[in-house]
Amino acid sequence: MNKISNQRFNETLYEQMLSSGLRVVVIHKPGYIGSSALLATPFGGMHTKLKDNEGNIFDILPGSAHFLEHKLFESEEGDIMSAFTEVGASVNAFTSYEETVYYFSTSNDIDEPLNMLLNFVGDLRISEESVEKEKGIIIQELRMYAQMPDSRLVNETYRSLFVEHPFSNDIGGSEESVSSITKAHLELCYHLNYHPQRMLLVVATGEQPQRIFDLVEKNHASKTFDNVPLVQSLPINEPNHVYRKNHDFTLDVQSLKSTITFKLNHSIQSERERKKAEWSLRLLMEATFSPLNPAYQDWMDEGVISDFFGFEVDLGEGYGLLMFYNETDDSTKFEEFLEKEISNSTISDATLEQLKRRYLGQAFRSLNDLEDMAISFIRATFAKADFFESLTWVEDISLKDIENVRNLIDLDNKCIVSIKKSKSS
């Protein structure tokens, strides 16, 4: 058992690699009544091409990770969610672009729900009939989200921005890809991504760490795990240009909305340096497009921006974006406003320090939420970054870093996506 203590955050973690190959991390919270356990695999919506250590390449249909999450909640013994409720635990799961996570929280004894989590995630039992039935459920879910303005706007923005990157696919896939998923395909995805050697279990609890390790070891000792080739996602060669510069679609809506998204091209390899650049750009945008800017209220009063207005910054491996969204019926005026303010954007040393303290404070507060802390740990681990160090990357940013990150923005390399009212509106 390896002990990791961080004096600054007053946190202690314990980790151990079990005989099955599963890495287990216990975030020890002495005095806490509740416990949360999260079992994760680095298999999400963006992983559409995997390569094993023997050079074999596997094509994964978009939506497969999400489909698999649905199927694992089925059990011949009965409803899994009800079973957790009966032992005083709440269970759920989510699939993102980068991972799938199954988790529960409880204020009761952790033994039974932890065994239940390990058992249902570790046992895929599906039939051709159940897969066919699930296709209809997921396709209806996709159609529902396609009618939700905010969700559809983001998805259409990603489709417009990216040429090759799987972000252009919905996490749930498309009706076509979901219809093509078979029982054999799901079993392949499970085989490649759900072996203990590829997964990570994080337990945030007041229980003694060794007791948690013993529980999981005992559970896995009763099972047999086949040898599987270790896989990783293939690098994505995303072109510098956007897929489509302008795109409109119609929905039955009360207010018109638009996104204007700049494609950020970079070659930063280190996760730390990428996130440092991401933070630098976010801080500059925060100083410019928030109430910290004295002009912000004037923009609101003049109707240039609305309560819906905001922005997102995301720099990952092989991609980057700066997205603005707003309620507007004049995307051209919105575009001109953004280009002017981005060109004139600035941040003072005092504002920079104020924002850095704010975000560092948020990092400290996040450690009081067991699930939030565990998810952050999982994402840092899958990104091969140090969790505690990642919480403080914002501290290292200087005015020079912010000036350097301006070079990532090309005002001409953007896409504009707008919701238009349907004729019936």
Protein backbone atom coordinates (compact mmCIF):
# COMPACT_ATOMS: atom_id res chain seq x y z
CA MET A 1 0.00 0.00 0.00
CA ASN A 2 1.41 3.34 -1.09
CA LYS A 3 0.58 6.42 1.00
CA ILE A 4 0.43 9.86 -0.66
CA SER A 5 0.04 12.89 1.62
CA ASN A 6 -0.38 16.49 0.61
CA GLN A 7 0.20 18.92 3.45
CA ARG A 8 -1.11 21.97 1.64
CA PHE A 9 -4.52 20.44 0.94
CA ASN A 10 -4.44 18.35 4.12
CA GLU A 11 -5.39 15.24 2.17
CA THR A 12 -4.07 11.67 2.24
CA LEU A 13 -4.52 9.05 -0.44
CA TYR A 14 -3.66 5.38 -0.37
CA GLU A 15 -3.19 3.28 -3.48
CA GLN A 16 -2.60 -0.37 -4.22
CA MET A 17 -2.38 -2.51 -7.35
CA LEU A 18 -4.40 -5.66 -6.80
CA SER A 19 -3.52 -9.13 -8.07
CA SER A 20 -6.15 -8.75 -10.84
CA GLY A 21 -4.36 -5.65 -12.13
CA LEU A 22 -6.97 -3.20 -10.84
CA ARG A 23 -5.56 0.00 -9.42
CA VAL A 24 -7.47 1.01 -6.29
CA VAL A 25 -7.14 4.45 -4.71
CA VAL A 26 -8.67 5.34 -1.36
CA ILE A 27 -9.19 9.00 -0.58
CA HIS A 28 -9.18 8.77 3.18
CA LYS A 29 -11.61 11.16 4.89
CA PRO A 30 -11.42 10.41 8.65
CA GLY A 31 -14.64 11.34 10.40
CA TYR A 32 -16.77 11.33 7.24
CA ILE A 33 -19.97 9.31 7.57
CA GLY A 34 -20.65 8.79 3.87
CA SER A 35 -18.67 6.96 1.21
CA SER A 36 -18.49 7.22 -2.56
CA ALA A 37 -16.95 4.67 -4.90
CA LEU A 38 -16.27 5.26 -8.61
CA LEU A 39 -15.16 2.56 -11.05
CA ALA A 40 -13.87 4.03 -14.30
CA THR A 41 -12.50 2.98 -17.66
CA PRO A 42 -10.73 5.36 -20.10
CA PHE A 43 -13.26 4.49 -22.80
CA GLY A 44 -15.63 7.22 -23.91
CA GLY A 45 -17.34 8.78 -26.88
CA MET A 46 -14.14 9.94 -28.57
CA HIS A 47 -12.48 6.52 -28.65
CA THR A 48 -13.41 5.30 -32.11
CA LYS A 49 -10.04 3.78 -33.03
CA LEU A 50 -8.07 1.65 -30.60
CA LYS A 51 -4.71 -0.04 -31.09
CA ASP A 52 -3.31 -2.89 -29.01
CA ASN A 53 0.32 -3.59 -28.15
CA GLU A 54 0.53 -6.09 -31.00
CA GLY A 55 -0.37 -3.47 -33.60
CA ASN A 56 -3.96 -4.55 -34.18
CA ILE A 57 -6.39 -1.69 -34.85
CA PHE A 58 -10.02 -1.84 -33.74
CA ASP A 59 -12.68 0.40 -35.28
CA ILE A 60 -15.28 1.35 -32.67
CA LEU A 61 -18.69 2.56 -33.77
CA PRO A 62 -19.67 6.00 -32.39
CA GLY A 63 -21.94 5.61 -29.39
CA SER A 64 -20.55 2.22 -28.35
CA ALA A 65 -19.27 3.36 -24.94
CA HIS A 66 -22.64 4.90 -24.10
CA PHE A 67 -24.51 1.82 -25.38
CA LEU A 68 -22.33 -0.42 -23.22
CA GLU A 69 -23.07 1.71 -20.17
CA HIS A 70 -26.80 1.13 -20.77
CA LYS A 71 -26.40 -2.62 -21.12
CA LEU A 72 -24.32 -3.08 -17.97
CA PHE A 73 -27.25 -1.83 -15.90
CA GLU A 74 -29.29 -4.83 -17.02
CA SER A 75 -29.31 -7.91 -14.81
CA GLU A 76 -31.05 -11.26 -14.92
CA GLU A 77 -31.41 -11.02 -11.15
CA GLY A 78 -33.52 -7.85 -11.25
CA ASP A 79 -33.25 -4.08 -11.38
CA ILE A 80 -29.76 -2.93 -10.36
CA MET A 81 -30.80 0.56 -9.22
CA SER A 82 -33.49 -0.90 -6.97
CA ALA A 83 -30.98 -3.36 -5.52
CA PHE A 84 -28.67 -0.50 -4.51
CA THR A 85 -31.60 1.42 -3.02
CA GLU A 86 -32.46 -1.58 -0.86
CA VAL A 87 -29.02 -1.42 0.79
CA GLY A 88 -29.19 2.34 1.28
CA ALA A 89 -27.02 3.37 -1.68
CA SER A 90 -27.61 5.51 -4.75
CA VAL A 91 -26.02 4.23 -7.98
CA ASN A 92 -25.55 5.83 -11.38
CA ALA A 93 -23.14 6.13 -14.30
CA PHE A 94 -22.10 8.53 -17.02
CA THR A 95 -20.26 8.39 -20.32
CA SER A 96 -18.23 11.41 -21.41
CA TYR A 97 -16.03 11.80 -24.45
CA GLU A 98 -13.03 10.52 -22.48
CA GLU A 99 -14.29 8.00 -19.91
CA THR A 100 -17.15 5.91 -18.58
CA VAL A 101 -17.71 5.97 -14.82
CA TYR A 102 -19.98 3.83 -12.62
CA TYR A 103 -20.48 5.11 -9.10
CA PHE A 104 -22.49 4.94 -5.91
CA SER A 105 -22.73 6.88 -2.68
CA THR A 106 -23.99 5.67 0.69
CA SER A 107 -24.17 6.69 4.32
CA ASN A 108 -24.43 3.05 5.36
CA ASP A 109 -21.87 0.27 5.44
CA ILE A 110 -19.86 0.20 2.21
CA ASP A 111 -19.31 -3.57 1.95
CA GLU A 112 -22.44 -4.65 0.13
CA PRO A 113 -22.76 -1.82 -2.40
CA LEU A 114 -19.04 -2.01 -3.20
CA ASN A 115 -19.35 -5.70 -3.99
CA MET A 116 -22.46 -4.99 -6.05
CA LEU A 117 -20.63 -2.32 -8.06
CA LEU A 118 -17.70 -4.65 -8.78
CA ASN A 119 -20.05 -7.48 -9.71
CA PHE A 120 -22.37 -5.75 -12.16
CA VAL A 121 -19.64 -3.79 -13.94
CA GLY A 122 -17.53 -6.93 -14.08
CA ASP A 123 -20.20 -9.09 -15.71
CA LEU A 124 -21.57 -8.37 -19.17
CA ARG A 125 -24.45 -10.66 -20.02
CA ILE A 126 -26.42 -9.61 -23.08
CA SER A 127 -28.53 -11.22 -25.76
CA GLU A 128 -29.18 -10.31 -29.38
CA GLU A 129 -32.78 -9.51 -28.44
CA SER A 130 -31.83 -7.14 -25.62
CA VAL A 131 -29.34 -5.31 -27.85
CA GLU A 132 -31.99 -4.80 -30.54
CA LYS A 133 -34.45 -3.52 -27.95
CA GLU A 134 -31.87 -1.09 -26.54
CA LYS A 135 -31.25 0.41 -29.99
CA GLY A 136 -34.78 1.76 -30.05
CA ILE A 137 -34.42 3.25 -26.57
CA ILE A 138 -31.14 5.00 -27.39
CA ILE A 139 -32.38 6.29 -30.76
CA GLN A 140 -35.39 7.84 -29.01
CA GLU A 141 -32.98 9.41 -26.52
CA LEU A 142 -30.92 10.87 -29.38
CA ARG A 143 -34.07 12.29 -30.99
CA MET A 144 -35.09 13.85 -27.68
CA TYR A 145 -31.73 15.59 -27.26
CA ALA A 146 -31.90 16.77 -30.88
CA GLN A 147 -35.01 18.77 -29.93
CA MET A 148 -33.34 20.39 -26.88
CA PRO A 149 -31.95 23.76 -28.06
CA ASP A 150 -28.84 24.01 -25.87
CA SER A 151 -27.76 20.39 -26.39
CA ARG A 152 -28.37 20.54 -30.14
CA LEU A 153 -26.51 23.85 -30.43
CA VAL A 154 -23.37 22.40 -28.83
CA ASN A 155 -23.51 19.23 -30.93
CA GLU A 156 -23.95 21.19 -34.18
CA THR A 157 -21.05 23.43 -33.14
CA TYR A 158 -18.75 20.43 -32.65
CA ARG A 159 -19.88 19.01 -36.00
CA SER A 160 -19.03 22.32 -37.65
CA LEU A 161 -15.69 22.77 -35.93
CA PHE A 162 -14.06 19.36 -36.32
CA VAL A 163 -13.14 17.52 -39.51
CA GLU A 164 -11.63 14.23 -38.23
CA HIS A 165 -11.87 14.44 -34.45
CA PRO A 166 -14.54 12.18 -32.88
CA PHE A 167 -15.89 15.22 -31.01
CA SER A 168 -17.91 15.72 -34.19
CA ASN A 169 -19.94 12.69 -33.05
CA ASP A 170 -22.54 12.83 -30.31
CA ILE A 171 -21.42 10.82 -27.26
CA GLY A 172 -24.47 8.65 -27.86
CA GLY A 173 -23.57 8.21 -31.53
CA SER A 174 -25.97 8.70 -34.43
CA GLU A 175 -29.09 6.78 -35.42
CA GLU A 176 -27.02 5.09 -38.12
CA SER A 177 -24.13 4.06 -35.84
CA VAL A 178 -26.43 2.89 -33.05
CA SER A 179 -28.43 0.80 -35.52
CA SER A 180 -25.17 -0.87 -36.63
CA ILE A 181 -24.05 -1.90 -33.13
CA THR A 182 -24.25 -5.65 -32.53
CA LYS A 183 -23.92 -7.96 -29.55
CA ALA A 184 -20.50 -9.06 -30.84
CA HIS A 185 -19.35 -5.45 -31.19
CA LEU A 186 -20.36 -4.59 -27.62
CA GLU A 187 -18.60 -7.71 -26.34
CA LEU A 188 -15.43 -6.64 -28.17
CA CYS A 189 -15.61 -3.14 -26.64
CA TYR A 190 -16.13 -4.65 -23.21
CA HIS A 191 -13.30 -7.16 -23.69
CA LEU A 192 -10.85 -4.41 -24.66
CA ASN A 193 -11.82 -1.76 -22.11
CA TYR A 194 -13.27 -3.39 -18.99
CA HIS A 195 -10.40 -5.60 -17.87
CA PRO A 196 -9.21 -4.66 -14.33
CA GLN A 197 -5.77 -3.78 -15.75
CA ARG A 198 -7.37 -0.94 -17.71
CA MET A 199 -9.70 0.32 -15.00
CA LEU A 200 -9.39 2.50 -11.90
CA LEU A 201 -11.41 2.30 -8.68
CA VAL A 202 -11.48 5.39 -6.47
CA VAL A 203 -13.15 5.20 -3.06
CA ALA A 204 -13.62 8.35 -0.97
CA THR A 205 -14.47 7.26 2.55
CA GLY A 206 -13.84 7.50 6.26
CA GLU A 207 -13.26 3.73 6.36
CA GLN A 208 -9.77 2.39 6.91
CA PRO A 209 -7.98 2.03 3.54
CA GLN A 210 -6.69 -1.50 4.15
CA ARG A 211 -10.23 -2.67 4.75
CA ILE A 212 -11.26 -1.34 1.32
CA PHE A 213 -8.30 -3.02 -0.38
CA ASP A 214 -9.13 -6.31 1.33
CA LEU A 215 -12.78 -6.10 0.25
CA VAL A 216 -11.89 -5.56 -3.40
CA GLU A 217 -9.15 -8.18 -3.38
CA LYS A 218 -11.56 -10.74 -1.93
CA ASN A 219 -14.15 -9.89 -4.59
CA HIS A 220 -11.69 -10.28 -7.45
CA ALA A 221 -10.13 -13.43 -6.00
CA SER A 222 -13.38 -15.27 -6.72
CA LYS A 223 -13.28 -14.33 -10.41
CA THR A 224 -11.27 -15.27 -13.47
CA PHE A 225 -10.03 -12.55 -15.81
CA ASP A 226 -8.91 -13.44 -19.31
CA ASN A 227 -5.63 -12.09 -20.63
CA VAL A 228 -6.35 -9.17 -22.93
CA PRO A 229 -4.11 -6.98 -25.07
CA LEU A 230 -3.65 -3.50 -23.63
CA VAL A 231 -5.14 -0.88 -25.95
CA GLN A 232 -4.80 2.84 -26.40
CA SER A 233 -6.56 5.40 -28.54
CA LEU A 234 -4.87 6.21 -31.84
CA PRO A 235 -3.60 9.78 -32.26
CA ILE A 236 -6.08 11.99 -34.10
CA ASN A 237 -4.80 14.02 -37.01
CA GLU A 238 -7.21 16.95 -36.94
CA PRO A 239 -6.74 19.51 -39.78
CA ASN A 240 -6.27 23.14 -38.85
CA HIS A 241 -9.36 24.42 -40.67
CA VAL A 242 -12.97 24.16 -39.52
CA TYR A 243 -15.33 21.70 -41.21
CA ARG A 244 -17.98 24.31 -42.04
CA LYS A 245 -17.77 28.04 -41.39
CA ASN A 246 -21.50 28.70 -41.15
CA HIS A 247 -24.37 26.44 -40.22
CA ASP A 248 -28.01 27.15 -39.37
CA PHE A 249 -30.70 24.75 -38.22
CA THR A 250 -34.33 25.23 -37.25
CA LEU A 251 -36.13 24.35 -34.03
CA ASP A 252 -39.40 25.36 -32.43
CA VAL A 253 -37.88 27.86 -29.96
CA GLN A 254 -38.83 31.10 -28.26
CA SER A 255 -35.37 32.69 -28.44
CA LEU A 256 -32.69 32.48 -31.11
CA LYS A 257 -29.21 31.37 -30.07
CA SER A 258 -25.80 31.28 -31.70
CA THR A 259 -22.31 30.03 -31.03
CA ILE A 260 -19.15 31.52 -32.46
CA THR A 261 -16.23 29.15 -31.97
CA PHE A 262 -12.58 29.71 -32.75
CA LYS A 263 -10.47 26.68 -33.56
CA LEU A 264 -7.24 26.80 -31.55
CA ASN A 265 -4.37 25.00 -33.24
CA HIS A 266 -1.49 23.95 -31.04
CA SER A 267 1.20 21.31 -30.74
CA ILE A 268 1.51 21.25 -26.94
CA GLN A 269 2.28 17.67 -25.87
CA SER A 270 2.41 17.95 -22.08
CA GLU A 271 -0.91 17.81 -20.21
CA ARG A 272 0.46 20.30 -17.70
CA GLU A 273 1.46 22.79 -20.39
CA ARG A 274 -1.86 22.35 -22.23
CA LYS A 275 -3.86 23.04 -19.10
CA LYS A 276 -1.62 25.96 -18.23
CA ALA A 277 -2.35 27.45 -21.67
CA GLU A 278 -6.05 26.68 -21.21
CA TRP A 279 -6.09 28.45 -17.86
CA SER A 280 -4.19 31.42 -19.32
CA LEU A 281 -6.77 31.87 -22.05
CA ARG A 282 -9.67 31.35 -19.65
CA LEU A 283 -8.36 34.01 -17.28
CA LEU A 284 -7.95 36.51 -20.13
CA MET A 285 -11.50 35.82 -21.35
CA GLU A 286 -12.84 36.04 -17.79
CA ALA A 287 -11.28 39.47 -17.35
CA THR A 288 -12.76 40.60 -20.67
CA PHE A 289 -16.19 38.93 -20.86
CA SER A 290 -17.45 39.04 -17.27
CA PRO A 291 -18.65 41.70 -14.81
CA LEU A 292 -14.99 42.28 -13.95
CA ASN A 293 -14.97 44.39 -17.11
CA PRO A 294 -16.71 47.78 -16.47
CA ALA A 295 -18.20 47.61 -20.00
CA TYR A 296 -20.02 44.34 -19.28
CA GLN A 297 -23.17 45.97 -17.85
CA ASP A 298 -23.31 48.36 -20.81
CA TRP A 299 -23.26 45.38 -23.19
CA MET A 300 -26.16 43.86 -21.24
CA ASP A 301 -28.15 47.11 -21.25
CA GLU A 302 -27.59 47.58 -24.98
CA GLY A 303 -28.66 44.00 -25.74
CA VAL A 304 -25.30 43.04 -27.22
CA ILE A 305 -25.19 40.08 -24.85
CA SER A 306 -27.89 38.31 -22.84
CA ASP A 307 -28.17 36.36 -19.60
CA PHE A 308 -27.41 33.27 -21.70
CA PHE A 309 -24.03 34.68 -22.81
CA GLY A 310 -20.90 32.78 -21.83
CA PHE A 311 -17.79 31.06 -23.11
CA GLU A 312 -15.90 27.77 -22.92
CA VAL A 313 -12.18 27.06 -23.37
CA ASP A 314 -10.87 23.57 -24.01
CA LEU A 315 -7.34 22.53 -24.98
CA GLY A 316 -6.78 18.81 -25.31
CA GLU A 317 -4.43 16.47 -27.09
CA GLY A 318 -4.61 17.45 -30.75
CA TYR A 319 -7.45 19.95 -30.50
CA GLY A 320 -8.47 23.28 -29.01
CA LEU A 321 -11.47 25.59 -29.01
CA LEU A 322 -12.75 28.88 -27.68
CA MET A 323 -16.56 28.91 -27.84
CA PHE A 324 -18.89 31.85 -27.19
CA TYR A 325 -22.67 31.46 -26.96
CA ASN A 326 -25.41 34.05 -26.83
CA GLU A 327 -29.11 34.68 -27.38
CA THR A 328 -29.17 36.79 -30.53
CA ASP A 329 -31.00 37.18 -33.81
CA ASP A 330 -27.98 38.88 -35.39
CA SER A 331 -24.97 36.57 -35.42
CA THR A 332 -23.03 39.00 -37.65
CA LYS A 333 -23.28 41.75 -35.04
CA PHE A 334 -22.30 39.25 -32.34
CA GLU A 335 -19.28 38.17 -34.43
CA GLU A 336 -18.11 41.77 -34.91
CA PHE A 337 -18.48 42.45 -31.18
CA LEU A 338 -16.40 39.40 -30.24
CA GLU A 339 -13.62 40.08 -32.72
CA LYS A 340 -13.28 43.66 -31.49
CA GLU A 341 -13.24 42.76 -27.82
CA ILE A 342 -10.89 39.78 -28.25
CA SER A 343 -8.46 42.01 -30.17
CA ASN A 344 -8.59 44.59 -27.38
CA SER A 345 -8.67 42.11 -24.50
CA THR A 346 -6.37 42.79 -21.59
CA ILE A 347 -5.87 41.81 -17.97
CA SER A 348 -4.16 43.67 -15.17
CA ASP A 349 -1.85 42.08 -12.66
CA ALA A 350 -4.38 42.79 -9.89
CA THR A 351 -7.24 41.12 -11.81
CA LEU A 352 -5.03 38.16 -12.65
CA GLU A 353 -4.19 37.62 -8.98
CA GLN A 354 -7.85 38.01 -8.00
CA LEU A 355 -8.94 35.35 -10.49
CA LYS A 356 -6.15 32.98 -9.54
CA ARG A 357 -7.18 33.19 -5.88
CA ARG A 358 -10.82 32.58 -6.84
CA TYR A 359 -10.07 29.44 -8.82
CA LEU A 360 -7.63 28.13 -6.23
CA GLY A 361 -10.33 28.61 -3.60
CA GLN A 362 -12.72 26.60 -5.75
CA ALA A 363 -10.12 23.82 -5.93
CA PHE A 364 -9.90 23.72 -2.13
CA ARG A 365 -13.70 23.64 -1.77
CA SER A 366 -14.04 20.85 -4.32
CA LEU A 367 -12.16 18.54 -1.96
CA ASN A 368 -15.20 18.56 0.36
CA ASP A 369 -17.35 16.88 -2.29
CA LEU A 370 -16.44 13.20 -2.35
CA GLU A 371 -17.69 12.45 -5.87
CA ASP A 372 -16.29 15.68 -7.34
CA MET A 373 -12.87 14.99 -5.86
CA ALA A 374 -12.90 11.38 -7.06
CA ILE A 375 -13.88 12.34 -10.62
CA SER A 376 -11.13 14.98 -10.73
CA PHE A 377 -8.65 12.35 -9.54
CA ILE A 378 -9.80 9.90 -12.23
CA ARG A 379 -9.43 12.48 -15.00
CA ALA A 380 -6.00 13.57 -13.82
CA THR A 381 -4.86 9.94 -13.65
CA PHE A 382 -6.15 9.05 -17.12
CA ALA A 383 -4.40 12.18 -18.44
CA LYS A 384 -1.17 10.97 -16.75
CA ALA A 385 -1.07 14.04 -14.51
CA ASP A 386 -0.51 14.44 -10.78
CA PHE A 387 -3.85 15.13 -9.11
CA PHE A 388 -2.68 17.53 -6.39
CA GLU A 389 -0.40 19.37 -8.78
CA SER A 390 -3.24 19.79 -11.26
CA LEU A 391 -5.26 21.68 -8.64
CA THR A 392 -2.62 24.39 -8.49
CA TRP A 393 -1.61 24.83 -12.14
CA VAL A 394 -3.51 28.11 -12.26
CA GLU A 395 -1.15 29.53 -9.62
CA ASP A 396 1.84 29.45 -11.97
CA ILE A 397 0.28 31.65 -14.67
CA SER A 398 1.89 35.02 -15.33
CA LEU A 399 1.02 37.98 -17.52
CA LYS A 400 3.66 36.73 -19.94
CA ASP A 401 1.87 33.37 -20.22
CA ILE A 402 -1.35 35.18 -21.06
CA GLU A 403 0.35 37.25 -23.74
CA ASN A 404 1.86 34.10 -25.25
CA VAL A 405 -1.49 32.30 -25.43
CA ARG A 406 -2.97 35.04 -27.61
CA ASN A 407 -1.11 33.42 -30.50
CA LEU A 408 -3.51 30.48 -30.35
CA ILE A 409 -6.42 32.64 -31.51
CA ASP A 410 -6.90 33.12 -35.24
CA LEU A 411 -9.97 35.34 -35.64
CA ASP A 412 -10.53 34.02 -39.16
CA ASN A 413 -10.48 30.35 -38.17
CA LYS A 414 -13.97 30.02 -36.74
CA CYS A 415 -17.43 28.57 -37.27
CA ILE A 416 -20.77 30.27 -36.63
CA VAL A 417 -23.76 28.09 -35.74
CA SER A 418 -27.26 29.51 -35.22
CA ILE A 419 -30.69 28.26 -34.26
CA LYS A 420 -33.42 29.67 -36.52
CA LYS A 421 -37.12 29.52 -35.74
CA SER A 422 -39.10 26.93 -37.59
CA LYS A 423 -42.03 28.23 -39.69
CA SER A 424 -44.50 26.97 -37.10
CA SER A 425 -42.93 29.14 -34.37
